[in-house]
Structures are given as structure tokens and as C-alpha cells.
Amino acid sequence: MDIRPIRTEEDYQAALREVESLMAAEFGTPEGDRPDVLATLVEAYEAKHSPMEVADPVEAIKFQMDQKGLTVKDLER
């Protein structure tokens, strides 16, 4: 299994394409293990280069209310 670290955006895109191409691989085979290992590397790259911000809970509720057309009065029930 020739797996390398993901260091560049090009490496990242190539890993995503390979994971996608191997999704139907049989579990427990070398081809079936490869997407698991690559997915771990992809997650590490994403965490380092595109960290997700934790949403403020109150702002998240306000956003959902706005998306659903709700007001504070609607939540009083």
C-alpha cells in the first residue's frame, strides 16, 4: 500500500478522488482498507487547513428561526 502524507491541495484532491473510486471495494481486502487510511489522512488535512468554527448556540438557534420564518413568540408554546 503506497500511501503518502497529504501536504498540498493537489495531494488532497488526489486523495479525495482515490477514496471515491475505492468506495465499492470489498471490506477486509487491501483495496477495502485503503479508503479508511486515506480518509484518516484527508480528515487530518482538513482539520489543519480548513478548521470548522464552533457556532455560538444562541446564534445557531436564531439562524434556524430565521430560516424557518419563526419568531420568539412562536417558541413560547
C-alpha atoms as a PDB file:
ATOM      1  CA  MET A   1       0.000   0.000   0.000  1.00  0.00           C
ATOM      2  CA  ASP A   2       1.725   3.183  -1.183  1.00  0.00           C
ATOM      3  CA  ILE A   3       0.215   5.945   0.951  1.00  0.00           C
ATOM      4  CA  ARG A   4       1.856   9.325   1.453  1.00  0.00           C
ATOM      5  CA  PRO A   5       1.050  12.312   3.665  1.00  0.00           C
ATOM      6  CA  ILE A   6      -1.271  14.934   2.195  1.00  0.00           C
ATOM      7  CA  ARG A   7       0.792  18.112   2.048  1.00  0.00           C
ATOM      8  CA  THR A   8      -0.704  20.166  -0.775  1.00  0.00           C
ATOM      9  CA  GLU A   9      -4.112  20.950  -2.229  1.00  0.00           C
ATOM     10  CA  GLU A  10      -3.172  18.762  -5.203  1.00  0.00           C
ATOM     11  CA  ASP A  11      -2.395  15.840  -2.853  1.00  0.00           C
ATOM     12  CA  TYR A  12      -5.704  16.479  -1.092  1.00  0.00           C
ATOM     13  CA  GLN A  13      -7.750  16.438  -4.309  1.00  0.00           C
ATOM     14  CA  ALA A  14      -5.981  13.285  -5.493  1.00  0.00           C
ATOM     15  CA  ALA A  15      -6.744  11.557  -2.169  1.00  0.00           C
ATOM     16  CA  LEU A  16     -10.422  12.542  -2.410  1.00  0.00           C
ATOM     17  CA  ARG A  17     -10.639  11.131  -5.926  1.00  0.00           C
ATOM     18  CA  GLU A  18      -8.983   7.897  -4.834  1.00  0.00           C
ATOM     19  CA  VAL A  19     -11.256   7.493  -1.798  1.00  0.00           C
ATOM     20  CA  GLU A  20     -14.270   7.989  -4.047  1.00  0.00           C
ATOM     21  CA  SER A  21     -13.017   5.459  -6.582  1.00  0.00           C
ATOM     22  CA  LEU A  22     -12.466   2.837  -3.864  1.00  0.00           C
ATOM     23  CA  MET A  23     -15.772   3.205  -2.002  1.00  0.00           C
ATOM     24  CA  ALA A  24     -17.121  -0.027  -3.511  1.00  0.00           C
ATOM     25  CA  ALA A  25     -14.024  -2.038  -2.567  1.00  0.00           C
ATOM     26  CA  GLU A  26     -14.625  -5.198  -0.553  1.00  0.00           C
ATOM     27  CA  PHE A  27     -14.148  -4.810   3.201  1.00  0.00           C
ATOM     28  CA  GLY A  28     -11.115  -6.602   4.618  1.00  0.00           C
ATOM     29  CA  THR A  29      -9.130  -6.531   1.379  1.00  0.00           C
ATOM     30  CA  PRO A  30      -6.149  -4.266   0.674  1.00  0.00           C
ATOM     31  CA  GLU A  31      -8.408  -2.190  -1.605  1.00  0.00           C
ATOM     32  CA  GLY A  32     -11.045  -2.087   1.132  1.00  0.00           C
ATOM     33  CA  ASP A  33      -8.565  -0.897   3.767  1.00  0.00           C
ATOM     34  CA  ARG A  34      -7.112   1.837   1.581  1.00  0.00           C
ATOM     35  CA  PRO A  35     -10.150   4.210   1.722  1.00  0.00           C
ATOM     36  CA  ASP A  36     -10.130   4.017   5.539  1.00  0.00           C
ATOM     37  CA  VAL A  37      -6.482   5.027   5.718  1.00  0.00           C
ATOM     38  CA  LEU A  38      -6.890   7.751   3.091  1.00  0.00           C
ATOM     39  CA  ALA A  39      -9.996   9.123   4.822  1.00  0.00           C
ATOM     40  CA  THR A  40      -7.984   9.487   8.032  1.00  0.00           C
ATOM     41  CA  LEU A  41      -5.320  11.444   6.157  1.00  0.00           C
ATOM     42  CA  VAL A  42      -7.982  13.588   4.462  1.00  0.00           C
ATOM     43  CA  GLU A  43      -9.597  14.392   7.836  1.00  0.00           C
ATOM     44  CA  ALA A  44      -6.226  15.410   9.287  1.00  0.00           C
ATOM     45  CA  TYR A  45      -5.527  17.676   6.302  1.00  0.00           C
ATOM     46  CA  GLU A  46      -8.974  19.270   6.527  1.00  0.00           C
ATOM     47  CA  ALA A  47      -8.640  19.850  10.279  1.00  0.00           C
ATOM     48  CA  LYS A  48      -5.346  21.634   9.727  1.00  0.00           C
ATOM     49  CA  HIS A  49      -6.228  23.645   6.618  1.00  0.00           C
ATOM     50  CA  SER A  50      -9.998  24.207   6.904  1.00  0.00           C
ATOM     51  CA  PRO A  51     -10.935  24.089  10.580  1.00  0.00           C
ATOM     52  CA  MET A  52     -14.629  24.441  11.277  1.00  0.00           C
ATOM     53  CA  GLU A  53     -15.605  27.166  13.691  1.00  0.00           C
ATOM     54  CA  VAL A  54     -17.847  26.159  16.555  1.00  0.00           C
ATOM     55  CA  ALA A  55     -21.143  28.000  16.238  1.00  0.00           C
ATOM     56  CA  ASP A  56     -22.466  30.062  19.103  1.00  0.00           C
ATOM     57  CA  PRO A  57     -25.568  28.145  20.313  1.00  0.00           C
ATOM     58  CA  VAL A  58     -27.765  31.245  20.544  1.00  0.00           C
ATOM     59  CA  GLU A  59     -26.750  32.387  17.060  1.00  0.00           C
ATOM     60  CA  ALA A  60     -27.426  28.885  15.717  1.00  0.00           C
ATOM     61  CA  ILE A  61     -30.962  28.990  17.158  1.00  0.00           C
ATOM     62  CA  LYS A  62     -31.543  32.482  15.742  1.00  0.00           C
ATOM     63  CA  PHE A  63     -30.312  31.305  12.333  1.00  0.00           C
ATOM     64  CA  GLN A  64     -32.674  28.315  12.343  1.00  0.00           C
ATOM     65  CA  MET A  65     -35.558  30.527  13.422  1.00  0.00           C
ATOM     66  CA  ASP A  66     -34.813  32.923  10.576  1.00  0.00           C
ATOM     67  CA  GLN A  67     -34.578  30.060   8.063  1.00  0.00           C
ATOM     68  CA  LYS A  68     -37.956  28.715   9.196  1.00  0.00           C
ATOM     69  CA  GLY A  69     -39.640  32.092   9.471  1.00  0.00           C
ATOM     70  CA  LEU A  70     -40.165  31.742  13.240  1.00  0.00           C
ATOM     71  CA  THR A  71     -40.314  34.466  15.860  1.00  0.00           C
ATOM     72  CA  VAL A  72     -39.697  34.357  19.620  1.00  0.00           C
ATOM     73  CA  LYS A  73     -43.475  34.310  20.044  1.00  0.00           C
ATOM     74  CA  ASP A  74     -43.598  31.030  18.058  1.00  0.00           C
ATOM     75  CA  LEU A  75     -41.302  29.409  20.635  1.00  0.00           C
ATOM     76  CA  GLU A  76     -43.360  30.383  23.670  1.00  0.00           C
ATOM     77  CA  ARG A  77     -45.644  27.384  23.386  1.00  0.00           C
END
